[in-house]
Every structure is written in structure tokens, then in C-alpha cells.
């Protein structure tokens, strides 16, 4: 083709756009509890899993599972740090680093281990928390400038100077429906003061802590509004991140959560939906005690539905019907076993929840490096084979 002939390039761009629009329609149909052409599939991948996946499948160093499997959606995160500032390096060796972040968290990251350790917090007394003044939630650096930020930079990997959120959004949009996201108060408190302090101070100073929660809630609501504005019509949906539970129940009483945390989740969700964005709430742990509240708030789908915390998508579908969608719940511990028969049973059983729409296939949290590349490849092929409508699951079919 001549260097001056752009016909092929235009055709390729049109093909990418049409494929992405099909994915968007698939996602939106599922979230409206309609049956699309097939069950949407995506996931959240640890960087260490991606490295193993490349090695296991003999893929090039730049291979990416989102592109390789042509997955159906992806999430982006702006700079949500209360204070926008570069990481302060407290110590560093070739094996590990200790930094203080824009949450004031002192974090230890050993490069061989999957997750970091929060060792201390700048905000280490309740009085400091009450006095804390965050930077502008609408600061343009959150969306339009590269820089260090804790959520993007310190996790299973370690990254300095993360790209500007808007550039990431634009780079992904030709190939995927792209969701924006925002943490809510419980996620902020875990990073800002630590979960132990958060629970202790809620017990010791319930009303004063409630006032702090309301102030932080207003901060992140305003940031969510600014993010949607910064996206300027490019976002396809919105994720609210908010772990409020562990294996058995919520960290705080359901009454306290409803009084102080829930109103801010509801307002972020309402604002996103008012701008035409479906909302997926991500919350780990066993949230059965407050699950109906997410339906009341108009959440379109709940993620990740941790199987190891007693959440079961078929049980939830039978109890709540199609009043809410489900995203996740395939037991990562079964995936990690590598047992093909057990994995097949797990995947096909959970696909029952896709009958009538309202289901996005994902793990019950994220894909760790304990999952082999061959196992994940097998799982995607199972979903692609059995996730076409009408859903037929043979011996694994269950009435709902």
C-alpha cells in the first residue's frame, strides 16, 4: 500500500470502533438485564500475573490480556490522593522501597511480593484527622497531569509518575468501553489512617467520626463530579470502590454504615447515572447485611462478590432476581488450583447467573500470579464457548 493511501488505516479504525461499540452494547444490555449476544467478560489483573501469563503462553513482553482476549470493559483511576505530591522516598534498595504517599501513608513495597505493606500514617491521631484539610478535589492535576499517586502507583507493582488520567482514557477508548472510578469514604480511611484506627475511632467518637466521614464524603463526591466533567463525554460507565466488609460481615454496624457512609455512595451513583453512566460498585467481603441497600441506591451491578467470603451469585439471583446485576464471583481459589474439572464446574455453574442478562463474568476479586496463564486461557475459552445466548450449560444447568 502506498504511504499516501490511508484507506486501509481508515478501514482499520472503523473496524476497531465497530468492535468497541459491540462491546459497549453487550455491557449495556447485560446491565439492563437483557440478553446480549454473549456474556461480557473482563477482569482486574495483577502485574505479576501478567508476567507469568506472558511466560506461560510464550507471548511477547508487551502482550496485554485486555487486548489479547479482546475483553469487554476496563476501568481507569485518576489521582485521588488527598494531597497531590510526589512520593517521598524514605529508603530504597534494588529489592524494596519505602515511600510516603499523597494519603500520608508510609508504604513498604518489596518488589518480589505481590502487595505492599502500610506501616504507618501521617494522620495518626483522631485530632489530626479532624483538623486535616485536603487539597482541591477539582484540581486539574488529578485528571490532566502525570505524577505520583498511591492507588495507581503502589499496589502489586510500583510505578512513579503515572500517566495523566485523560491520556489513559483516550488511549484505551478506541478498543474498550472505559469506566471512570472514584473511591468512597471507607476506601479513603483505610489509606489515610488505617483500618484499625478507622474502626477504633468510629467506636470511640461515633458522632465526631461521623462528621469526618461526611466531610470526606463531600470531598470525593465533588471529585467524582469533576472526573465526569473532565471525561467530557468519553466515559462509558463508573465504578465506585468501597470495601466495607470482611469474611463474615461489615466492619461497622449496618446502622452506622447507613447513617454515614451510604448517603455519599448514593450521591455519587445518582450523579453518574444522571450523566448516563451505569454504575458498578466494587466492595470486598460479605455484604449480605446491606446488599439490599445497593439495590435501593440504584447500583447497576455489584462486584466482586467474593466467594471466599460466602457470596454466591446464584443464591443472590434467586433472592433478589433481576433488581441488580452481578459482576464477578468466580472463585479465584478454584482458578489457582489448576484443576481443570473443578474450574470447568466453577465457571459453568456461575454462568447460570447470566440467564436473562444482568451478569458480567469475572473472578471474585482479581487474577493473581497463583493463576497460571494456561488456566486463564482455558477460562476465557470456556466463557466464550458456553456464554453465548441462549445459555445452555448441560449438566451444570441450574434453575433460578
Protein backbone atom coordinates (compact mmCIF):
# COMPACT_ATOMS: atom_id res chain seq x y z
CA UNK A 1 0.00 0.00 0.00
CA UNK A 2 1.30 3.46 -0.86
CA UNK A 3 2.38 5.62 2.09
CA UNK A 4 -0.13 8.16 0.82
CA UNK A 5 -3.05 5.67 0.74
CA UNK A 6 -4.91 5.97 4.03
CA UNK A 7 -7.88 3.78 3.03
CA UNK A 8 -6.59 0.75 4.89
CA UNK A 9 -5.92 2.76 8.02
CA UNK A 10 -9.39 4.29 7.96
CA UNK A 11 -10.96 0.86 7.48
CA UNK A 12 -8.99 -0.49 10.45
CA UNK A 13 -10.10 2.44 12.62
CA UNK A 14 -13.73 1.88 11.60
CA UNK A 15 -13.38 -1.82 12.43
CA UNK A 16 -11.98 -1.03 15.91
CA UNK A 17 -14.79 1.43 16.54
CA UNK A 18 -17.49 -1.04 15.48
CA UNK A 19 -15.99 -3.77 17.66
CA UNK A 20 -15.86 -1.43 20.65
CA UNK A 21 -19.46 -0.35 20.08
CA UNK A 22 -20.49 -4.03 20.07
CA UNK A 23 -18.74 -4.46 23.43
CA UNK A 24 -20.48 -1.37 24.79
CA UNK A 25 -23.84 -2.65 23.62
CA UNK A 26 -23.05 -6.03 25.21
CA UNK A 27 -22.22 -4.38 28.54
CA UNK A 28 -25.22 -2.09 28.50
CA UNK A 29 -27.62 -4.89 27.54
CA UNK A 30 -26.34 -7.02 30.39
CA UNK A 31 -26.67 -4.15 32.86
CA UNK A 32 -30.25 -3.54 31.65
CA UNK A 33 -30.98 -7.22 32.32
CA UNK A 34 -31.38 -8.02 28.66
CA UNK A 35 -29.63 -10.87 26.89
CA UNK A 36 -26.85 -9.59 24.62
CA UNK A 37 -25.07 -11.75 22.04
CA UNK A 38 -22.84 -13.25 24.74
CA UNK A 39 -21.86 -12.79 28.36
CA UNK A 40 -19.42 -9.87 28.84
CA UNK A 41 -16.05 -10.86 30.29
CA UNK A 42 -13.16 -8.91 31.77
CA UNK A 43 -11.12 -8.81 34.99
CA UNK A 44 -8.58 -6.97 37.13
CA UNK A 45 -5.09 -8.39 36.67
CA UNK A 46 -2.09 -8.30 38.97
CA UNK A 47 1.05 -7.19 37.19
CA UNK A 48 2.75 -10.36 38.45
CA UNK A 49 0.01 -12.46 36.82
CA UNK A 50 0.55 -10.69 33.51
CA UNK A 51 4.27 -11.50 33.66
CA UNK A 52 3.52 -15.17 34.38
CA UNK A 53 0.83 -15.29 31.68
CA UNK A 54 3.29 -13.99 29.08
CA UNK A 55 5.87 -16.58 30.09
CA UNK A 56 3.39 -19.47 30.25
CA UNK A 57 1.94 -18.74 26.81
CA UNK A 58 5.21 -17.67 25.22
CA UNK A 59 3.93 -14.18 24.46
CA UNK A 60 5.96 -11.03 23.76
CA UNK A 61 6.97 -8.69 26.59
CA UNK A 62 4.30 -6.13 25.67
CA UNK A 63 1.39 -8.61 25.46
CA UNK A 64 -1.67 -7.45 27.41
CA UNK A 65 -4.60 -9.73 28.37
CA UNK A 66 -7.17 -7.00 27.73
CA UNK A 67 -6.08 -6.76 24.10
CA UNK A 68 -5.08 -10.41 23.61
CA UNK A 69 -8.54 -11.66 24.64
CA UNK A 70 -10.40 -8.58 23.39
CA UNK A 71 -12.08 -8.18 26.78
CA UNK A 72 -15.28 -6.21 27.22
CA UNK A 73 -14.50 -3.34 29.60
CA UNK A 74 -11.73 -1.63 31.53
CA UNK A 75 -11.50 0.78 34.48
CA UNK A 76 -9.37 3.92 34.91
CA UNK A 77 -8.35 5.76 38.10
CA UNK A 78 -7.50 9.46 38.43
CA UNK A 79 -5.32 10.88 41.21
CA UNK A 80 -7.49 10.51 44.31
CA UNK A 81 -4.78 11.39 46.85
CA UNK A 82 -5.95 13.93 49.46
CA UNK A 83 -2.66 15.79 48.94
CA UNK A 84 -1.21 15.91 45.42
CA UNK A 85 2.52 15.46 45.86
CA UNK A 86 5.35 13.22 44.68
CA UNK A 87 6.19 10.14 46.69
CA UNK A 88 8.71 10.91 49.42
CA UNK A 89 11.31 8.14 49.28
CA UNK A 90 12.25 7.17 52.84
CA UNK A 91 14.51 4.27 51.88
CA UNK A 92 15.29 2.33 48.73
CA UNK A 93 17.35 -0.68 47.66
CA UNK A 94 17.23 -2.81 44.49
CA UNK A 95 14.85 -5.17 46.35
CA UNK A 96 12.44 -2.78 48.10
CA UNK A 97 11.34 0.78 48.64
CA UNK A 98 9.58 2.70 51.44
CA UNK A 99 7.68 5.84 50.43
CA UNK A 100 5.23 8.33 51.93
CA UNK A 101 2.32 8.99 49.58
CA UNK A 102 -0.29 11.64 48.98
CA UNK A 103 -2.50 9.88 51.54
CA UNK A 104 0.23 10.39 54.11
CA UNK A 105 0.65 6.61 54.24
CA UNK A 106 4.12 5.19 54.79
CA UNK A 107 4.23 2.19 52.48
CA UNK A 108 6.78 -0.59 52.15
CA UNK A 109 6.94 -2.31 48.77
CA UNK A 110 9.12 -5.39 48.35
CA UNK A 111 9.37 -5.90 44.60
CA UNK A 112 9.21 -9.71 44.79
CA UNK A 113 6.00 -9.78 46.82
CA UNK A 114 2.58 -9.07 45.33
CA UNK A 115 1.16 -6.49 47.72
CA UNK A 116 2.61 -3.55 49.70
CA UNK A 117 2.53 -3.05 53.46
CA UNK A 118 1.18 0.12 55.06
CA UNK A 119 3.50 0.64 58.02
CA UNK A 120 2.32 3.96 59.44
CA UNK A 121 0.23 7.04 58.72
CA UNK A 122 0.98 10.73 58.87
CA UNK A 123 -2.54 11.19 60.26
CA UNK A 124 -2.01 9.07 63.36
CA UNK A 125 -4.36 10.65 65.90
CA UNK A 126 -8.05 11.42 65.81
CA UNK A 127 -7.32 15.10 66.45
CA UNK A 128 -5.10 15.23 63.35
CA UNK A 129 -7.88 13.61 61.33
CA UNK A 130 -10.38 16.20 62.50
CA UNK A 131 -8.01 19.02 61.54
CA UNK A 132 -6.94 17.56 58.18
CA UNK A 133 -7.56 19.85 55.21
CA UNK A 134 -7.40 18.16 51.81
CA UNK A 135 -6.37 19.83 48.56
CA UNK A 136 -8.93 20.89 45.96
CA UNK A 137 -10.92 17.87 44.73
CA UNK A 138 -11.23 19.66 41.38
CA UNK A 139 -7.51 20.33 40.96
CA UNK A 140 -6.83 19.73 37.26
CA UNK A 141 -3.68 17.77 38.05
CA UNK A 142 -5.89 14.91 39.19
CA UNK A 143 -7.09 14.39 35.63
CA UNK A 144 -4.75 16.19 33.25
CA UNK A 145 -1.21 15.77 34.62
CA UNK A 146 1.17 12.87 35.08
CA UNK A 147 2.52 12.30 38.57
CA UNK A 148 2.78 10.01 41.56
CA UNK A 149 -0.42 8.78 43.18
CA UNK A 150 -0.94 5.99 45.65
CA UNK A 151 -3.75 4.00 44.03
CA UNK A 152 -2.10 3.83 40.61
CA UNK A 153 1.47 3.66 41.87
CA UNK A 154 1.71 1.41 44.93
CA UNK A 155 -0.02 -1.94 44.63
CA UNK A 156 1.08 -5.28 43.29
CA UNK A 157 3.51 -3.21 41.22
CA UNK A 158 5.33 0.05 41.84
CA UNK A 159 5.10 2.99 39.44
CA UNK A 160 6.39 6.54 39.67
CA UNK A 161 4.96 9.37 37.57
CA UNK A 162 1.78 7.61 36.45
CA UNK A 163 0.37 8.89 33.14
CA UNK A 164 -2.28 11.59 33.10
CA UNK A 165 -5.73 10.07 33.56
CA UNK A 166 -7.18 11.76 30.48
CA UNK A 167 -4.40 10.36 28.28
CA UNK A 168 -5.01 6.85 29.61
CA UNK A 169 -8.72 7.26 28.96
CA UNK A 170 -8.16 8.38 25.39
CA UNK A 171 -5.61 5.65 24.66
CA UNK A 172 -8.00 2.88 25.79
CA UNK A 173 -11.19 4.22 24.30
CA UNK A 174 -10.65 3.02 20.71
CA UNK A 175 -10.62 -0.58 21.93
CA UNK A 176 -12.76 -0.84 25.08
CA UNK A 177 -15.72 0.65 26.87
CA UNK A 178 -13.91 2.68 29.53
CA UNK A 179 -15.25 3.27 33.03
CA UNK A 180 -14.10 6.05 35.31
CA UNK A 181 -13.93 5.43 39.03
CA UNK A 182 -13.87 7.00 42.46
CA UNK A 183 -13.22 5.70 45.95
CA UNK A 184 -15.72 6.36 48.71
CA UNK A 185 -15.06 7.19 52.34
CA UNK A 186 -14.23 3.72 53.64
CA UNK A 187 -11.53 3.28 50.99
CA UNK A 188 -10.07 6.68 51.83
CA UNK A 189 -9.94 5.92 55.55
CA UNK A 190 -8.08 2.63 55.01
CA UNK A 191 -5.34 4.51 53.16
CA UNK A 192 -5.42 7.70 55.24
CA UNK A 193 -5.44 6.31 58.80
CA UNK A 194 -5.52 2.50 58.51
CA UNK A 195 -8.47 0.19 59.02
CA UNK A 196 -7.69 -0.42 62.69
CA UNK A 197 -7.74 3.27 63.53
CA UNK A 198 -10.88 3.79 61.45
CA UNK A 199 -12.84 1.15 63.36
CA UNK A 200 -11.44 2.23 66.73
CA UNK A 201 -12.31 5.89 66.23
CA UNK A 202 -15.80 5.06 64.94
CA UNK A 203 -16.34 3.24 68.24
CA UNK A 204 -14.73 5.86 70.47
CA UNK A 205 -16.09 9.01 68.78
CA UNK A 206 -19.11 7.89 66.72
CA UNK A 207 -20.64 11.32 66.15
CA UNK A 208 -17.37 13.21 65.68
CA UNK A 209 -16.15 10.48 63.35
CA UNK A 210 -19.47 10.75 61.52
CA UNK A 211 -18.74 14.44 60.92
CA UNK A 212 -15.33 13.50 59.48
CA UNK A 213 -16.95 10.87 57.25
CA UNK A 214 -19.40 13.48 55.96
CA UNK A 215 -16.58 15.89 55.17
CA UNK A 216 -14.59 13.22 53.31
CA UNK A 217 -17.75 12.05 51.54
CA UNK A 218 -18.39 15.56 50.23
CA UNK A 219 -14.76 15.73 49.07
CA UNK A 220 -14.98 12.58 46.96
CA UNK A 221 -18.43 13.42 45.64
CA UNK A 222 -17.01 16.68 44.30
CA UNK A 223 -14.03 14.83 42.83
CA UNK A 224 -16.36 12.34 41.11
CA UNK A 225 -18.29 15.23 39.58
CA UNK A 226 -15.02 16.79 38.39
CA UNK A 227 -13.88 13.48 36.88
CA UNK A 228 -17.07 13.08 34.89
CA UNK A 229 -16.70 16.66 33.65
CA UNK A 230 -13.04 16.06 32.77
CA UNK A 231 -14.04 12.96 30.80
CA UNK A 232 -16.15 15.25 28.61
CA UNK A 233 -18.46 12.52 27.34
CA UNK A 234 -15.73 9.89 26.85
CA UNK A 235 -16.68 7.68 29.80
CA UNK A 236 -18.98 4.69 29.31
CA UNK A 237 -19.65 3.91 32.96
CA UNK A 238 -18.45 4.49 36.51
CA UNK A 239 -17.06 2.31 39.31
CA UNK A 240 -17.30 3.22 43.00
CA UNK A 241 -14.63 1.48 45.10
CA UNK A 242 -15.54 0.90 48.74
CA UNK A 243 -14.52 -2.08 50.88
CA UNK A 244 -16.73 -2.08 53.97
CA UNK A 245 -16.70 -5.77 54.90
CA UNK A 246 -14.52 -8.78 55.64
CA UNK A 247 -15.15 -12.53 55.51
CA UNK A 248 -18.10 -12.59 57.91
CA UNK A 249 -19.80 -9.18 57.93
CA UNK A 250 -19.35 -5.43 57.65
CA UNK A 251 -16.54 -3.65 59.52
CA UNK A 252 -19.01 -1.27 61.14
CA UNK A 253 -22.62 -1.86 62.14
CA UNK A 254 -25.08 -1.71 59.24
CA UNK A 255 -26.84 1.11 61.09
CA UNK A 256 -23.68 3.22 61.27
CA UNK A 257 -22.87 2.49 57.62
CA UNK A 258 -26.37 3.54 56.56
CA UNK A 259 -26.18 6.74 58.60
CA UNK A 260 -22.80 8.00 57.43
CA UNK A 261 -21.32 6.04 54.51
CA UNK A 262 -24.34 5.14 52.40
CA UNK A 263 -25.54 8.71 51.63
CA UNK A 264 -22.27 9.53 49.83
CA UNK A 265 -22.29 6.34 47.79
CA UNK A 266 -25.86 7.13 46.83
CA UNK A 267 -24.99 10.66 45.73
CA UNK A 268 -22.00 9.58 43.61
CA UNK A 269 -24.12 6.87 41.99
CA UNK A 270 -27.00 9.27 41.35
CA UNK A 271 -24.69 11.84 39.75
CA UNK A 272 -23.09 9.25 37.47
CA UNK A 273 -26.45 7.84 36.41
CA UNK A 274 -27.77 11.36 35.77
CA UNK A 275 -24.97 11.63 33.20
CA UNK A 276 -25.98 8.38 31.52
CA UNK A 277 -23.28 6.25 33.16
CA UNK A 278 -24.14 2.81 34.56
CA UNK A 279 -22.60 2.26 37.99
CA UNK A 280 -20.72 -0.80 39.25
CA UNK A 281 -19.91 -0.85 42.95
CA UNK A 282 -16.75 -2.73 43.99
CA UNK A 283 -16.75 -3.85 47.59
CA UNK A 284 -14.92 -6.86 49.03
CA UNK A 285 -16.14 -9.12 51.79
CA UNK A 286 -19.54 -10.37 52.96
CA UNK A 287 -22.06 -7.55 52.47
CA UNK A 288 -25.24 -9.62 52.77
CA UNK A 289 -26.45 -7.46 55.68
CA UNK A 290 -26.53 -4.35 53.47
CA UNK A 291 -26.90 -5.83 49.99
CA UNK A 292 -30.46 -4.60 49.57
CA UNK A 293 -29.20 -1.05 50.18
CA UNK A 294 -27.20 -1.16 46.93
CA UNK A 295 -30.39 -2.01 45.07
CA UNK A 296 -32.13 0.89 46.80
CA UNK A 297 -29.32 3.24 45.70
CA UNK A 298 -29.73 2.24 42.07
CA UNK A 299 -26.38 0.46 41.71
CA UNK A 300 -26.43 -1.35 38.37
CA UNK A 301 -24.09 -4.19 39.33
CA UNK A 302 -22.13 -5.35 42.37
CA UNK A 303 -18.53 -6.54 42.18
CA UNK A 304 -16.55 -8.66 43.10
CA UNK A 305 -18.88 -10.93 45.15
CA UNK A 306 -16.09 -12.77 46.95
CA UNK A 307 -16.83 -16.49 47.03
CA UNK A 308 -14.33 -16.90 49.87
CA UNK A 309 -16.50 -14.52 51.94
CA UNK A 310 -19.62 -16.60 51.41
CA UNK A 311 -21.08 -14.65 48.49
CA UNK A 312 -22.75 -16.83 45.85
CA UNK A 313 -24.16 -15.26 42.73
CA UNK A 314 -26.82 -17.93 42.18
CA UNK A 315 -28.06 -17.59 45.75
CA UNK A 316 -28.18 -13.81 45.28
CA UNK A 317 -30.00 -14.11 41.94
CA UNK A 318 -32.62 -16.38 43.48
CA UNK A 319 -33.11 -13.96 46.37
CA UNK A 320 -33.01 -10.61 44.51
CA UNK A 321 -34.00 -11.59 40.98
CA UNK A 322 -33.07 -9.01 38.37
CA UNK A 323 -33.19 -5.98 40.63
CA UNK A 324 -29.38 -5.68 40.43
CA UNK A 325 -26.65 -7.00 38.18
CA UNK A 326 -23.67 -9.09 39.23
CA UNK A 327 -20.05 -8.73 38.18
CA UNK A 328 -17.63 -11.42 39.32
CA UNK A 329 -17.94 -14.29 41.84
CA UNK A 330 -15.89 -16.93 40.01
CA UNK A 331 -13.80 -18.37 42.83
CA UNK A 332 -10.16 -17.39 42.35
CA UNK A 333 -9.07 -20.13 44.74
CA UNK A 334 -10.50 -22.70 42.34
CA UNK A 335 -8.66 -20.97 39.48
CA UNK A 336 -5.43 -21.12 41.49
CA UNK A 337 -5.82 -24.88 41.97
CA UNK A 338 -5.28 -25.51 38.26
CA UNK A 339 -7.76 -28.42 38.47
CA UNK A 340 -9.47 -28.34 35.06
CA UNK A 341 -12.53 -30.33 36.17
CA UNK A 342 -13.09 -28.08 39.19
CA UNK A 343 -12.53 -24.95 37.10
CA UNK A 344 -15.00 -26.12 34.46
CA UNK A 345 -17.60 -26.82 37.14
CA UNK A 346 -16.99 -23.42 38.77
CA UNK A 347 -17.16 -21.42 35.53
CA UNK A 348 -20.19 -23.16 34.03
CA UNK A 349 -22.15 -23.14 37.29
CA UNK A 350 -21.68 -19.39 37.71
CA UNK A 351 -22.76 -18.77 34.09
CA UNK A 352 -26.29 -19.74 35.20
CA UNK A 353 -26.46 -16.21 36.65
CA UNK A 354 -26.28 -14.82 33.11
CA UNK A 355 -29.71 -16.12 32.16
CA UNK A 356 -31.89 -13.12 31.35
CA UNK A 357 -28.85 -10.82 31.37
CA UNK A 358 -27.52 -8.98 34.39
CA UNK A 359 -24.17 -10.77 34.64
CA UNK A 360 -20.57 -9.90 33.76
CA UNK A 361 -18.11 -12.78 34.09
CA UNK A 362 -15.06 -12.05 36.25
CA UNK A 363 -13.12 -13.51 39.14
CA UNK A 364 -14.31 -12.93 42.69
CA UNK A 365 -11.62 -10.28 43.17
CA UNK A 366 -8.67 -10.14 40.76
CA UNK A 367 -6.36 -12.50 38.90
CA UNK A 368 -3.27 -13.25 40.99
CA UNK A 369 0.08 -14.68 39.99
CA UNK A 370 -1.03 -18.01 41.54
CA UNK A 371 -3.22 -18.47 38.44
CA UNK A 372 -1.29 -19.91 35.51
CA UNK A 373 -1.51 -18.34 32.08
CA UNK A 374 -2.82 -21.66 30.72
CA UNK A 375 -5.59 -21.70 33.33
CA UNK A 376 -6.78 -18.20 32.48
CA UNK A 377 -6.64 -19.03 28.78
CA UNK A 378 -8.83 -22.08 29.47
CA UNK A 379 -11.32 -20.00 31.47
CA UNK A 380 -11.73 -17.42 28.71
CA UNK A 381 -12.32 -20.19 26.17
CA UNK A 382 -14.98 -21.76 28.43
CA UNK A 383 -16.82 -18.46 28.79
CA UNK A 384 -16.62 -17.80 25.06
CA UNK A 385 -17.94 -21.31 24.29
CA UNK A 386 -20.76 -21.51 26.84
CA UNK A 387 -21.53 -17.83 27.33
CA UNK A 388 -23.43 -17.39 24.07
CA UNK A 389 -27.17 -16.82 24.26
CA UNK A 390 -29.33 -18.75 24.78
CA UNK A 391 -27.30 -20.10 27.70
CA UNK A 392 -27.03 -23.90 27.59
CA UNK A 393 -24.91 -25.45 30.34
CA UNK A 394 -25.79 -29.14 30.13
CA UNK A 395 -25.11 -30.99 33.36
CA UNK A 396 -24.28 -27.69 35.08
CA UNK A 397 -27.61 -26.06 34.31
CA UNK A 398 -29.45 -24.89 37.44
CA UNK A 399 -32.93 -23.38 37.68
CA UNK A 400 -33.06 -19.86 39.08
